[in-house]
Protein backbone atom coordinates (compact mmCIF):
# COMPACT_ATOMS: atom_id res chain seq x y z
CA UNK A 1 -3.98 -24.70 17.13
CA UNK A 2 -0.25 -24.73 17.60
CA UNK A 3 0.24 -21.09 16.55
CA UNK A 4 -2.49 -19.88 18.93
CA UNK A 5 -0.45 -21.49 21.71
CA UNK A 6 2.61 -19.70 20.41
CA UNK A 7 0.70 -16.46 20.41
CA UNK A 8 -0.36 -17.02 24.00
CA UNK A 9 3.22 -17.93 25.03
CA UNK A 10 4.53 -14.68 23.56
CA UNK A 11 1.94 -12.70 25.60
CA UNK A 12 2.82 -14.62 28.77
CA UNK A 13 6.51 -13.74 28.15
CA UNK A 14 5.67 -10.06 28.00
CA UNK A 15 6.15 -9.80 24.25
CA UNK A 16 3.77 -8.20 21.81
CA UNK A 17 2.86 -10.86 19.16
CA UNK A 18 2.34 -8.16 16.52
CA UNK A 19 5.80 -6.68 17.08
CA UNK A 20 7.30 -10.20 16.90
CA UNK A 21 5.46 -10.77 13.64
CA UNK A 22 6.68 -7.47 12.19
CA UNK A 23 10.29 -8.46 12.82
CA UNK A 24 9.79 -11.99 11.42
CA UNK A 25 8.51 -11.43 7.91
CA UNK A 26 10.90 -13.96 6.30
CA UNK A 27 10.07 -16.54 8.93
CA UNK A 28 6.31 -16.02 8.48
CA UNK A 29 6.62 -16.47 4.71
CA UNK A 30 8.52 -19.71 5.41
CA UNK A 31 5.63 -21.21 7.42
CA UNK A 32 3.22 -23.67 5.86
CA UNK A 33 -0.10 -22.14 4.72
CA UNK A 34 -2.01 -23.57 7.70
CA UNK A 35 0.59 -22.39 10.18
CA UNK A 36 0.52 -18.87 8.71
CA UNK A 37 -3.25 -18.72 8.70
CA UNK A 38 -3.41 -19.86 12.32
CA UNK A 39 -0.84 -17.18 13.36
CA UNK A 40 -2.60 -14.43 11.43
CA UNK A 41 -5.85 -15.52 13.01
CA UNK A 42 -4.44 -15.23 16.50
CA UNK A 43 -3.28 -11.61 15.78
CA UNK A 44 -6.58 -10.68 14.19
CA UNK A 45 -8.68 -12.21 17.03
CA UNK A 46 -6.62 -10.25 19.59
CA UNK A 47 -7.19 -7.04 17.59
CA UNK A 48 -10.93 -7.75 17.28
CA UNK A 49 -11.24 -8.21 21.02
CA UNK A 50 -9.54 -4.90 21.64
CA UNK A 51 -11.68 -2.88 19.31
CA UNK A 52 -14.88 -4.68 20.43
CA UNK A 53 -14.02 -3.73 24.13
CA UNK A 54 -12.93 -0.09 23.45
CA UNK A 55 -14.94 1.23 20.55
CA UNK A 56 -18.68 1.84 21.20
CA UNK A 57 -19.40 2.48 17.52
CA UNK A 58 -17.78 -0.74 16.40
CA UNK A 59 -19.22 -2.76 19.23
CA UNK A 60 -22.70 -1.63 18.21
CA UNK A 61 -21.96 -2.72 14.69
CA UNK A 62 -20.97 -6.15 16.05
CA UNK A 63 -24.02 -6.42 18.31
CA UNK A 64 -26.32 -5.63 15.37
CA UNK A 65 -24.96 -8.78 13.74
CA UNK A 66 -24.87 -10.82 16.96
CA UNK A 67 -21.06 -11.02 16.80
CA UNK A 68 -18.98 -11.05 19.93
CA UNK A 69 -15.49 -12.22 20.99
CA UNK A 70 -16.88 -15.67 21.62
CA UNK A 71 -18.03 -15.85 18.01
CA UNK A 72 -14.55 -15.48 16.60
CA UNK A 73 -12.80 -18.71 17.64
CA UNK A 74 -11.25 -20.32 14.52
CA UNK A 75 -9.77 -19.04 11.18
CA UNK A 76 -13.08 -20.05 9.57
CA UNK A 77 -14.77 -17.29 11.65
CA UNK A 78 -12.68 -14.49 10.11
CA UNK A 79 -15.43 -13.88 7.58
CA UNK A 80 -17.85 -13.12 10.42
CA UNK A 81 -15.85 -10.06 11.62
CA UNK A 82 -17.95 -6.95 10.87
CA UNK A 83 -16.33 -4.55 8.38
CA UNK A 84 -16.16 -0.80 8.21
CA UNK A 85 -17.06 0.52 4.72
CA UNK A 86 -14.11 2.64 3.61
CA UNK A 87 -16.35 5.65 2.97
CA UNK A 88 -16.74 6.08 6.75
CA UNK A 89 -13.19 7.51 6.82
CA UNK A 90 -14.49 10.40 4.68
CA UNK A 91 -17.45 11.17 6.98
CA UNK A 92 -17.54 14.42 9.04
CA UNK A 93 -17.92 12.41 12.17
CA UNK A 94 -15.10 9.90 11.39
CA UNK A 95 -13.78 10.43 14.91
CA UNK A 96 -16.33 7.85 15.96
CA UNK A 97 -14.14 5.24 14.43
CA UNK A 98 -11.53 5.78 17.12
CA UNK A 99 -10.88 3.00 19.68
CA UNK A 100 -8.48 5.28 21.51
CA UNK A 101 -8.77 8.85 22.89
CA UNK A 102 -8.29 11.56 20.29
CA UNK A 103 -5.44 12.93 22.44
CA UNK A 104 -3.43 9.73 21.80
CA UNK A 105 -3.32 10.32 18.03
CA UNK A 106 0.20 11.02 16.89
CA UNK A 107 -0.28 11.08 13.11
CA UNK A 108 -3.08 12.05 10.80
CA UNK A 109 -2.83 11.06 7.14
CA UNK A 110 -5.10 11.99 4.21
CA UNK A 111 -5.86 10.78 0.76
CA UNK A 112 -8.09 12.65 -1.62
CA UNK A 113 -9.38 11.24 -4.82
CA UNK A 114 -11.66 12.70 -7.52
CA UNK A 115 -14.46 13.66 -5.10
CA UNK A 116 -12.11 16.18 -3.27
CA UNK A 117 -13.33 14.86 0.09
CA UNK A 118 -10.27 13.66 2.10
CA UNK A 119 -10.21 10.26 3.69
CA UNK A 120 -8.72 10.82 7.15
CA UNK A 121 -6.79 8.05 8.81
CA UNK A 122 -5.61 8.63 12.40
CA UNK A 123 -2.77 6.60 13.99
CA UNK A 124 -1.74 6.51 17.62
CA UNK A 125 1.87 5.98 18.61
CA UNK A 126 1.43 2.17 18.85
CA UNK A 127 -0.04 2.08 15.31
CA UNK A 128 2.76 4.30 14.01
CA UNK A 129 5.29 1.90 15.51
CA UNK A 130 3.55 -1.04 13.86
CA UNK A 131 3.19 0.50 10.36
CA UNK A 132 6.79 1.79 10.26
CA UNK A 133 8.15 -1.57 11.34
CA UNK A 134 5.81 -3.31 8.85
CA UNK A 135 6.67 -1.16 5.84
CA UNK A 136 10.44 -1.38 6.47
CA UNK A 137 10.24 -5.16 6.85
CA UNK A 138 8.32 -5.51 3.57
CA UNK A 139 10.73 -3.18 1.78
CA UNK A 140 13.68 -5.27 2.93
CA UNK A 141 11.97 -8.53 2.00
CA UNK A 142 11.10 -7.59 -1.51
CA UNK A 143 13.59 -4.79 -2.49
CA UNK A 144 16.67 -5.72 -0.41
CA UNK A 145 17.68 -2.06 -0.58
CA UNK A 146 20.41 -0.72 1.79
CA UNK A 147 22.19 1.77 -0.47
CA UNK A 148 21.96 3.66 -3.73
CA UNK A 149 20.30 6.82 -4.94
CA UNK A 150 16.59 7.46 -5.14
CA UNK A 151 15.13 9.70 -7.86
CA UNK A 152 11.70 10.56 -6.42
CA UNK A 153 9.31 11.63 -9.17
CA UNK A 154 6.86 13.15 -6.69
CA UNK A 155 6.77 16.01 -4.22
CA UNK A 156 8.47 15.87 -0.83
CA UNK A 157 6.69 15.53 2.47
CA UNK A 158 7.76 19.10 3.17
CA UNK A 159 5.35 20.25 0.41
CA UNK A 160 2.51 17.78 1.22
CA UNK A 161 3.11 16.52 4.77
CA UNK A 162 -0.24 14.65 5.18
CA UNK A 163 -0.13 12.66 1.89
CA UNK A 164 0.05 9.03 2.82
CA UNK A 165 1.54 7.88 -0.47
CA UNK A 166 4.54 10.16 -0.11
CA UNK A 167 4.97 9.32 3.55
CA UNK A 168 5.21 5.62 2.66
CA UNK A 169 7.64 6.14 -0.21
CA UNK A 170 9.76 8.55 1.85
CA UNK A 171 10.43 5.78 4.42
CA UNK A 172 12.58 4.21 1.73
CA UNK A 173 14.82 7.26 1.62
CA UNK A 174 16.35 6.27 4.95
CA UNK A 175 17.60 3.02 3.33
CA UNK A 176 19.47 4.90 0.57
CA UNK A 177 22.71 6.88 0.37
CA UNK A 178 21.05 9.88 -1.20
CA UNK A 179 17.81 10.90 -2.81
CA UNK A 180 16.18 13.84 -4.60
CA UNK A 181 12.54 14.92 -5.03
CA UNK A 182 11.85 16.14 -8.54
CA UNK A 183 8.42 17.73 -8.23
CA UNK A 184 8.61 21.22 -6.71
CA UNK A 185 5.80 23.76 -6.51
CA UNK A 186 3.51 21.39 -8.36
CA UNK A 187 5.93 21.39 -11.36
CA UNK A 188 7.98 18.56 -12.86
CA UNK A 189 10.90 19.45 -15.17
CA UNK A 190 12.08 16.18 -16.78
CA UNK A 191 15.38 17.74 -17.90
CA UNK A 192 16.30 18.16 -14.26
CA UNK A 193 15.52 14.47 -13.59
CA UNK A 194 17.68 13.42 -16.50
CA UNK A 195 20.54 15.59 -15.31
CA UNK A 196 20.27 14.20 -11.80
CA UNK A 197 20.52 10.63 -13.03
CA UNK A 198 23.61 11.57 -15.05
CA UNK A 199 25.26 13.04 -11.87
CA UNK A 200 24.73 9.75 -9.97
CA UNK A 201 26.00 7.53 -12.84
CA UNK A 202 28.94 5.29 -11.88
CA UNK A 203 28.61 6.43 -8.21
CA UNK A 204 25.32 4.85 -7.10
CA UNK A 205 22.73 2.32 -8.12
CA UNK A 206 19.97 4.57 -9.38
CA UNK A 207 16.41 3.85 -8.34
CA UNK A 208 13.29 5.63 -9.71
CA UNK A 209 10.43 5.94 -7.19
CA UNK A 210 6.98 7.50 -7.54
CA UNK A 211 3.37 7.16 -8.77
CA UNK A 212 3.01 5.47 -12.17
CA UNK A 213 1.64 8.55 -13.93
CA UNK A 214 4.73 10.66 -13.03
CA UNK A 215 7.21 7.98 -14.12
CA UNK A 216 5.10 7.71 -17.25
CA UNK A 217 5.50 11.52 -17.78
CA UNK A 218 9.30 11.07 -17.61
CA UNK A 219 9.19 8.24 -20.12
CA UNK A 220 7.04 10.39 -22.48
CA UNK A 221 9.79 13.01 -22.32
CA UNK A 222 12.40 10.40 -23.10
CA UNK A 223 10.34 9.20 -26.06
CA UNK A 224 9.77 12.71 -27.39
CA UNK A 225 13.51 13.49 -27.30
CA UNK A 226 14.51 10.01 -28.53
CA UNK A 227 16.52 9.45 -25.32
CA UNK A 228 17.28 5.92 -24.09
CA UNK A 229 18.95 5.36 -20.78
CA UNK A 230 20.78 2.32 -19.43
CA UNK A 231 20.29 2.25 -15.68
CA UNK A 232 22.09 -0.08 -13.33
CA UNK A 233 21.80 -3.85 -12.83
CA UNK A 234 20.48 -3.28 -9.32
CA UNK A 235 18.16 -0.41 -10.27
CA UNK A 236 14.51 -0.72 -9.15
CA UNK A 237 11.57 1.19 -10.69
CA UNK A 238 9.15 1.35 -7.73
CA UNK A 239 5.65 2.55 -8.21
CA UNK A 240 2.81 3.39 -5.72
CA UNK A 241 -0.39 5.31 -6.19
CA UNK A 242 -2.70 3.66 -8.65
CA UNK A 243 -2.85 3.31 -12.44
CA UNK A 244 -5.85 5.52 -13.25
CA UNK A 245 -5.28 9.15 -14.19
CA UNK A 246 -7.57 12.10 -13.31
CA UNK A 247 -8.90 12.06 -16.85
CA UNK A 248 -10.16 8.53 -16.42
CA UNK A 249 -7.45 7.06 -18.67
CA UNK A 250 -6.06 3.82 -17.28
CA UNK A 251 -2.33 3.32 -17.69
CA UNK A 252 -1.50 -0.12 -19.06
CA UNK A 253 0.88 -1.93 -16.71
CA UNK A 254 2.07 -4.07 -19.68
CA UNK A 255 2.84 -1.04 -21.86
CA UNK A 256 4.43 0.77 -18.85
CA UNK A 257 6.78 -2.15 -18.24
CA UNK A 258 7.69 -2.36 -21.92
CA UNK A 259 8.56 1.34 -22.02
CA UNK A 260 10.58 1.08 -18.87
CA UNK A 261 12.59 -1.67 -20.49
CA UNK A 262 13.04 0.32 -23.71
CA UNK A 263 13.70 3.83 -22.35
CA UNK A 264 15.11 3.23 -18.87
CA UNK A 265 17.20 0.15 -19.84
CA UNK A 266 15.95 -2.14 -17.10
CA UNK A 267 14.78 -5.72 -16.96
CA UNK A 268 11.09 -6.48 -16.19
CA UNK A 269 12.08 -8.07 -12.88
CA UNK A 270 13.42 -4.65 -11.76
CA UNK A 271 9.98 -3.03 -12.05
CA UNK A 272 7.98 -3.32 -8.82
CA UNK A 273 4.53 -1.96 -7.95
CA UNK A 274 3.09 -1.54 -4.43
CA UNK A 275 -0.58 -1.76 -3.44
CA UNK A 276 -1.48 0.23 -0.34
CA UNK A 277 -4.27 2.27 1.16
CA UNK A 278 -4.05 5.20 3.59
CA UNK A 279 -6.82 3.71 5.71
CA UNK A 280 -4.91 0.44 6.20
CA UNK A 281 -1.36 -0.60 7.16
CA UNK A 282 -1.08 -3.22 4.43
CA UNK A 283 1.52 -3.11 1.66
CA UNK A 284 1.39 -5.73 -1.08
CA UNK A 285 4.59 -5.68 -3.05
CA UNK A 286 5.57 -7.24 -6.39
CA UNK A 287 8.19 -9.92 -6.36
CA UNK A 288 10.66 -10.36 -9.23
CA UNK A 289 7.89 -12.07 -11.24
CA UNK A 290 5.50 -9.15 -10.86
CA UNK A 291 3.26 -11.00 -8.36
CA UNK A 292 2.03 -8.99 -5.37
CA UNK A 293 2.41 -10.61 -1.95
CA UNK A 294 0.21 -9.48 0.90
CA UNK A 295 1.93 -8.56 4.23
CA UNK A 296 2.03 -11.94 5.98
CA UNK A 297 0.41 -10.55 9.17
CA UNK A 298 -2.58 -9.10 7.35
CA UNK A 299 -5.44 -11.06 5.85
CA UNK A 300 -7.28 -10.36 2.58
CA UNK A 301 -10.87 -11.67 2.30
CA UNK A 302 -12.26 -11.33 -1.23
CA UNK A 303 -16.09 -11.09 -1.15
CA UNK A 304 -18.89 -11.50 -3.59
CA UNK A 305 -20.02 -7.83 -4.24
CA UNK A 306 -23.66 -9.05 -4.38
CA UNK A 307 -23.34 -11.02 -1.25
CA UNK A 308 -20.67 -9.56 1.09
CA UNK A 309 -21.05 -12.41 3.58
CA UNK A 310 -19.71 -14.84 1.00
CA UNK A 311 -16.12 -15.14 -0.27
CA UNK A 312 -15.23 -15.90 -3.88
CA UNK A 313 -12.85 -18.68 -4.87
CA UNK A 314 -9.13 -18.00 -5.50
CA UNK A 315 -8.75 -16.66 -9.02
CA UNK A 316 -12.22 -15.05 -9.09
CA UNK A 317 -12.79 -11.30 -8.92
CA UNK A 318 -14.42 -9.93 -5.81
CA UNK A 319 -14.54 -6.95 -3.47
CA UNK A 320 -11.57 -6.60 -1.12
CA UNK A 321 -11.97 -6.77 2.65
CA UNK A 322 -8.87 -6.13 4.75
CA UNK A 323 -8.33 -7.61 8.23
CA UNK A 324 -5.45 -5.62 9.67
CA UNK A 325 -4.30 -6.36 13.24
CA UNK A 326 -1.65 -3.54 13.12
CA UNK A 327 -4.37 -0.92 13.55
CA UNK A 328 -4.84 0.10 17.22
CA UNK A 329 -6.45 3.58 16.95
CA UNK A 330 -9.27 2.43 14.67
CA UNK A 331 -10.53 -1.04 13.74
CA UNK A 332 -8.49 -2.40 10.89
CA UNK A 333 -11.42 -4.40 9.45
CA UNK A 334 -12.23 -2.46 6.27
CA UNK A 335 -14.39 -3.11 3.26
CA UNK A 336 -12.70 -1.36 0.38
CA UNK A 337 -14.18 -0.33 -3.00
CA UNK A 338 -11.47 -2.22 -4.87
CA UNK A 339 -12.07 -5.30 -6.99
CA UNK A 340 -9.18 -7.79 -6.78
CA UNK A 341 -8.49 -11.45 -7.21
CA UNK A 342 -6.34 -13.76 -5.05
CA UNK A 343 -3.77 -15.74 -7.02
CA UNK A 344 -2.64 -19.28 -6.52
CA UNK A 345 0.94 -20.02 -5.56
CA UNK A 346 3.20 -20.43 -8.59
CA UNK A 347 5.70 -23.22 -9.06
CA UNK A 348 9.08 -22.13 -7.75
CA UNK A 349 7.62 -19.48 -5.42
CA UNK A 350 8.82 -20.38 -1.98
CA UNK A 351 6.78 -17.84 0.03
CA UNK A 352 3.61 -18.84 1.81
CA UNK A 353 0.82 -16.35 2.21
CA UNK A 354 -1.64 -14.53 -0.04
CA UNK A 355 -0.97 -13.11 -3.54
CA UNK A 356 -3.24 -10.48 -4.96
CA UNK A 357 -3.97 -8.86 -8.30
CA UNK A 358 -5.68 -5.47 -8.36
CA UNK A 359 -8.43 -5.31 -11.08
CA UNK A 360 -10.37 -2.04 -10.78
CA UNK A 361 -12.59 0.10 -8.51
CA UNK A 362 -16.20 -0.99 -8.12
CA UNK A 363 -18.17 0.31 -11.13
CA UNK A 364 -20.63 1.93 -8.79
CA UNK A 365 -17.91 3.74 -6.83
CA UNK A 366 -18.43 7.50 -6.86
CA UNK A 367 -14.67 8.11 -6.70
CA UNK A 368 -11.52 6.71 -8.26
CA UNK A 369 -7.90 7.13 -7.43
CA UNK A 370 -6.01 8.33 -4.38
CA UNK A 371 -4.05 11.44 -3.66
CA UNK A 372 -1.89 10.78 -6.77
CA UNK A 373 -4.91 11.57 -8.96
CA UNK A 374 -5.16 15.09 -7.70
CA UNK A 375 -1.41 15.53 -8.01
CA UNK A 376 -1.70 14.35 -11.65
CA UNK A 377 -4.41 16.96 -12.30
CA UNK A 378 -2.46 19.75 -10.66
CA UNK A 379 0.60 19.02 -12.74
CA UNK A 380 -1.40 18.99 -15.93
CA UNK A 381 -3.04 22.34 -15.03
CA UNK A 382 0.39 23.85 -14.29
CA UNK A 383 2.02 22.74 -17.55
CA UNK A 384 0.45 25.68 -19.37
CA UNK A 385 1.75 28.19 -16.81
CA UNK A 386 5.35 26.99 -16.52
CA UNK A 387 7.50 27.44 -19.58
CA UNK A 388 9.99 24.74 -18.54
CA UNK A 389 7.46 22.11 -17.60
CA UNK A 390 7.29 18.74 -19.33
CA UNK A 391 6.73 19.51 -23.04
CA UNK A 392 4.77 16.36 -23.74
CA UNK A 393 1.01 16.81 -23.23
CA UNK A 394 -1.31 13.87 -23.11
């Protein structure tokens, strides 16, 4: 395999193949599909060997399935890599997932859905390096942002420092000229957001960034006051955080896009959603057609929920397994509770790699949503106690 040889050459030259991949997103997307798969395999196999050698809990899971480093020798063997069910990150003894000493952990991030039990993801300095480089590279590839103003319809990290969703969105602030967080003390005042956009008009390209439900709250205010904006030709509406509210209501992406066009004055190509998980380092980002592209150094394996050792065909719905070689502190081989489908490459799309469409949580999942769900609930609860809060109640 040519790209396995390239991987070995990088190592022999004293270079970290993962770091090289993170700085070469455009070049990876320009590879042929077999070349990219071979390169991803080399990264994932190296990661598997590390965790197998350094993590007793994970090695036991491998031994129980008679899997060792010798078993994973070609891309066809990726399906054999044992997976960690995502609920293990919520367990009281989740420290057993660590492949490094607890003292090496630099960052601890949390995400709490409807169960109220936090999912804890720990990252050592090497993993933090990888995830920051990876997120920035994907932001540049799909958003091409280097200036402008960001209206953040969410709290700041100062208020919720461990919330992974906000941490990821806040990285974008460093690429902008200015930004403002519009949720303070669990309260969102849409008039303030409208006033801030007016202050930036004719001075900056204005971007709106946040979880879908909060941008939807702002649009409900615009509808209730019969206000229609005309944002800028370079404006991006960027969402992250899931489309299901704490009440169980599912926001329609189609209706959301239509209302963004009508009330924010943008084109559909300017509306971009991000799929991410606090337990993984993947970001899958919409292109201008609304198709999500998986990070080119991470592999998605979509499994038959009734037979998790079997993958479903492209276009069929299955349970998402993530193979993430960026993770050093814990194995990045995760079985999620998300149902997705991989999409075929469209005519005119020049990028190689995987494309994914999120469908829903597993019906038997005991929890839905991420940290954005609890934020949604807190804001709704606070609307009655803040006279100036958003006047439109769902």
